[in-house]
N, C-alpha and C. Protein backbone atom coordinates (compact mmCIF):
# COMPACT_ATOMS: atom_id res chain seq x y z
N MET A 1 -39.42 43.96 -136.85
CA MET A 1 -38.71 43.95 -138.23
C MET A 1 -38.79 42.37 -138.63
N PRO A 2 -39.50 42.05 -140.02
CA PRO A 2 -39.07 41.24 -140.13
C PRO A 2 -37.97 39.95 -139.82
N LYS A 3 -37.90 38.70 -139.39
CA LYS A 3 -37.38 38.10 -139.78
C LYS A 3 -36.00 37.60 -140.68
N GLU A 4 -36.98 37.29 -141.72
CA GLU A 4 -36.09 37.20 -143.29
C GLU A 4 -35.48 38.65 -143.69
N PHE A 5 -36.03 39.83 -142.94
CA PHE A 5 -35.01 40.87 -143.56
C PHE A 5 -33.93 41.15 -142.57
N LYS A 6 -33.67 40.78 -141.01
CA LYS A 6 -32.66 40.57 -140.42
C LYS A 6 -31.77 39.53 -141.00
N LYS A 7 -31.90 38.62 -141.57
CA LYS A 7 -30.98 37.69 -141.58
C LYS A 7 -30.48 38.42 -143.12
N SER A 8 -31.12 39.13 -143.80
CA SER A 8 -30.40 39.92 -145.38
C SER A 8 -29.20 40.82 -144.36
N LYS A 9 -28.88 41.15 -143.27
CA LYS A 9 -28.23 42.14 -142.80
C LYS A 9 -28.43 43.28 -143.40
N PRO A 10 -29.48 44.15 -142.97
CA PRO A 10 -29.56 45.34 -143.94
C PRO A 10 -28.69 46.48 -143.15
N PRO A 11 -28.32 47.32 -144.04
CA PRO A 11 -27.44 48.42 -143.48
C PRO A 11 -27.90 49.28 -142.35
N THR A 12 -27.22 50.41 -141.50
CA THR A 12 -28.08 51.23 -140.86
C THR A 12 -27.21 52.17 -141.41
N PHE A 13 -27.73 53.60 -141.18
CA PHE A 13 -27.04 54.73 -141.44
C PHE A 13 -27.35 55.90 -140.13
N ASP A 14 -26.02 56.15 -139.89
CA ASP A 14 -26.31 57.26 -138.70
C ASP A 14 -25.90 58.91 -139.44
N GLY A 15 -26.10 59.19 -140.28
CA GLY A 15 -25.95 60.71 -140.93
C GLY A 15 -24.55 60.96 -141.06
N ASP A 16 -23.82 60.69 -140.29
CA ASP A 16 -22.35 60.70 -140.41
C ASP A 16 -21.15 60.35 -142.09
N ILE A 17 -21.77 61.45 -142.74
CA ILE A 17 -20.97 61.20 -144.10
C ILE A 17 -19.88 61.76 -144.28
N LYS A 18 -18.94 61.03 -144.32
CA LYS A 18 -17.36 60.78 -144.58
C LYS A 18 -17.19 61.32 -146.07
N LYS A 19 -18.04 60.91 -146.99
CA LYS A 19 -17.86 61.24 -148.53
C LYS A 19 -19.27 61.07 -148.87
N TYR A 20 -19.48 61.80 -150.10
CA TYR A 20 -20.92 61.73 -150.80
C TYR A 20 -21.56 60.22 -150.73
N GLU A 21 -20.87 59.26 -151.36
CA GLU A 21 -21.29 58.20 -151.40
C GLU A 21 -22.06 57.24 -150.34
N ASP A 22 -21.56 57.91 -149.09
CA ASP A 22 -21.95 57.21 -147.83
C ASP A 22 -23.79 56.94 -147.83
N SER A 23 -24.37 58.08 -147.87
CA SER A 23 -26.35 58.06 -147.92
C SER A 23 -26.31 57.08 -148.93
N GLU A 24 -25.69 57.20 -150.48
CA GLU A 24 -26.11 56.42 -151.44
C GLU A 24 -25.87 54.88 -151.21
N VAL A 25 -24.80 54.50 -150.66
CA VAL A 25 -24.59 53.28 -150.62
C VAL A 25 -25.71 52.86 -149.33
N TRP A 26 -25.98 53.34 -148.20
CA TRP A 26 -27.22 53.14 -147.60
C TRP A 26 -28.36 52.56 -148.34
N PHE A 27 -28.91 53.83 -148.85
CA PHE A 27 -30.14 53.71 -150.18
C PHE A 27 -30.05 52.44 -150.86
N LEU A 28 -29.17 52.63 -151.70
CA LEU A 28 -28.97 51.20 -152.59
C LEU A 28 -28.65 50.03 -151.57
N GLY A 29 -28.15 49.98 -150.82
CA GLY A 29 -28.48 48.39 -149.83
C GLY A 29 -29.87 47.95 -149.40
N MET A 30 -30.62 48.98 -148.88
CA MET A 30 -31.94 49.09 -148.74
C MET A 30 -33.10 48.47 -149.85
N LYS A 31 -32.76 49.31 -150.82
CA LYS A 31 -33.19 49.09 -152.23
C LYS A 31 -33.20 47.76 -152.33
N LYS A 32 -31.71 47.12 -152.35
CA LYS A 32 -31.48 46.21 -153.06
C LYS A 32 -32.11 45.04 -152.27
N ILE A 33 -32.18 45.25 -150.89
CA ILE A 33 -32.93 43.78 -150.00
C ILE A 33 -34.35 44.13 -150.16
N PHE A 34 -35.02 45.32 -150.42
CA PHE A 34 -36.68 45.46 -150.76
C PHE A 34 -36.78 44.53 -152.00
N LYS A 35 -35.83 44.63 -152.76
CA LYS A 35 -36.32 43.82 -154.22
C LYS A 35 -36.51 42.34 -153.99
N ILE A 36 -35.71 41.75 -152.91
CA ILE A 36 -36.09 40.53 -153.02
C ILE A 36 -37.08 40.14 -151.87
N HIS A 37 -37.70 41.12 -151.22
CA HIS A 37 -39.22 40.74 -150.37
C HIS A 37 -39.98 41.68 -150.74
N ASP A 38 -41.32 40.97 -150.49
CA ASP A 38 -42.46 41.27 -150.96
C ASP A 38 -43.06 41.91 -149.89
N TYR A 39 -42.51 43.46 -149.66
CA TYR A 39 -43.27 44.57 -148.39
C TYR A 39 -44.03 45.73 -149.16
N SER A 40 -45.00 46.01 -148.46
CA SER A 40 -46.04 47.11 -148.63
C SER A 40 -45.07 48.16 -148.75
N ASN A 41 -45.24 49.17 -149.16
CA ASN A 41 -44.52 50.24 -148.98
C ASN A 41 -44.76 51.27 -147.78
N ASN A 42 -45.74 50.75 -147.00
CA ASN A 42 -45.48 51.12 -145.76
C ASN A 42 -44.48 50.50 -144.69
N MET A 43 -44.37 49.15 -145.28
CA MET A 43 -43.43 48.39 -144.30
C MET A 43 -42.06 48.82 -144.56
N LYS A 44 -41.79 49.04 -145.64
CA LYS A 44 -40.61 49.62 -146.38
C LYS A 44 -39.78 51.01 -145.51
N ALA A 45 -41.19 51.79 -145.46
CA ALA A 45 -40.89 52.90 -144.74
C ALA A 45 -40.86 52.91 -143.69
N ASN A 46 -41.23 51.59 -142.40
CA ASN A 46 -40.86 51.47 -141.47
C ASN A 46 -39.46 50.94 -141.16
N ILE A 47 -39.29 50.03 -141.83
CA ILE A 47 -38.06 49.32 -141.94
C ILE A 47 -36.94 50.46 -141.94
N ALA A 48 -36.90 50.95 -143.37
CA ALA A 48 -35.90 52.04 -143.26
C ALA A 48 -35.79 53.17 -142.54
N THR A 49 -36.54 53.44 -142.08
CA THR A 49 -36.51 54.44 -140.73
C THR A 49 -36.14 53.79 -139.49
N TYR A 50 -36.69 52.51 -139.28
CA TYR A 50 -35.66 51.81 -138.10
C TYR A 50 -34.26 51.82 -138.40
N ARG A 51 -33.88 51.54 -139.55
CA ARG A 51 -32.46 51.08 -139.63
C ARG A 51 -31.52 52.81 -139.48
N LEU A 52 -32.44 53.70 -139.01
CA LEU A 52 -31.57 55.18 -139.29
C LEU A 52 -30.93 55.19 -137.39
N LYS A 53 -29.94 55.82 -137.23
CA LYS A 53 -29.20 55.62 -136.12
C LYS A 53 -28.71 56.84 -135.86
N GLY A 54 -27.94 57.17 -134.41
CA GLY A 54 -27.39 58.40 -133.98
C GLY A 54 -27.79 59.45 -134.51
N LYS A 55 -27.22 60.51 -135.10
CA LYS A 55 -27.62 61.55 -135.42
C LYS A 55 -28.92 61.97 -136.33
N VAL A 56 -28.57 61.10 -137.73
CA VAL A 56 -29.80 61.08 -138.67
C VAL A 56 -30.99 60.85 -137.70
N ASN A 57 -31.09 59.90 -136.54
CA ASN A 57 -32.29 59.39 -136.19
C ASN A 57 -33.04 60.43 -135.30
N ILE A 58 -32.48 61.21 -134.52
CA ILE A 58 -32.49 62.34 -134.17
C ILE A 58 -33.02 63.59 -134.73
N TRP A 59 -32.54 63.71 -135.77
CA TRP A 59 -32.91 64.21 -136.99
C TRP A 59 -34.31 64.05 -137.64
N TRP A 60 -34.70 62.61 -138.01
CA TRP A 60 -36.06 62.13 -137.83
C TRP A 60 -36.96 62.11 -137.36
N GLU A 61 -37.20 61.81 -135.94
CA GLU A 61 -37.55 61.90 -134.71
C GLU A 61 -37.83 63.65 -134.55
N ASP A 62 -37.05 64.43 -134.82
CA ASP A 62 -37.45 65.72 -134.70
C ASP A 62 -38.51 66.25 -136.01
N LEU A 63 -37.95 65.89 -137.23
CA LEU A 63 -38.67 66.12 -138.53
C LEU A 63 -40.18 65.78 -138.35
N LYS A 64 -40.30 64.50 -137.79
CA LYS A 64 -41.69 63.82 -137.50
C LYS A 64 -42.57 64.75 -136.80
N ASN A 65 -41.99 65.33 -135.49
CA ASN A 65 -42.74 65.89 -134.53
C ASN A 65 -42.93 67.38 -134.99
N VAL A 66 -42.05 67.91 -135.35
CA VAL A 66 -42.31 69.37 -136.19
C VAL A 66 -43.37 69.60 -137.20
N ARG A 67 -43.25 68.33 -138.33
CA ARG A 67 -44.13 68.44 -139.19
C ARG A 67 -45.30 67.18 -139.11
N GLY A 68 -45.17 66.70 -138.30
CA GLY A 68 -46.48 65.74 -138.16
C GLY A 68 -46.24 64.46 -139.24
N ILE A 69 -45.44 64.08 -139.35
CA ILE A 69 -44.75 63.36 -140.57
C ILE A 69 -45.08 61.65 -140.01
N THR A 70 -45.39 60.57 -140.40
CA THR A 70 -45.68 59.24 -139.71
C THR A 70 -44.80 58.58 -141.18
N GLU A 71 -44.48 57.62 -140.71
CA GLU A 71 -44.04 56.32 -141.82
C GLU A 71 -44.94 56.11 -142.61
N GLU A 72 -46.11 55.90 -142.08
CA GLU A 72 -47.46 55.33 -142.88
C GLU A 72 -47.69 56.44 -143.68
N GLY A 73 -47.36 58.26 -143.57
CA GLY A 73 -47.89 58.84 -144.60
C GLY A 73 -46.59 58.92 -145.72
N LEU A 74 -45.42 58.26 -145.51
CA LEU A 74 -44.27 58.44 -146.58
C LEU A 74 -44.80 57.51 -147.59
N SER A 75 -45.44 56.17 -147.33
CA SER A 75 -46.10 55.29 -148.46
C SER A 75 -46.96 55.76 -149.75
């Protein structure tokens, strides 16, 4: 993960949604940080999936394996 992105203190998302807005808060936080950094779409996908933790990270890894998805394919 680029150093300047780490300095932005990017949010993580663990999939534990206590209220509907939890996932939206993570998504908007990532989107806000991406606005100030000139990353390729591929880099954005890699960074966003890197910030997934816990249950949602397991879900993402399973989805990639079952469907043959890669971060590169998301951009």
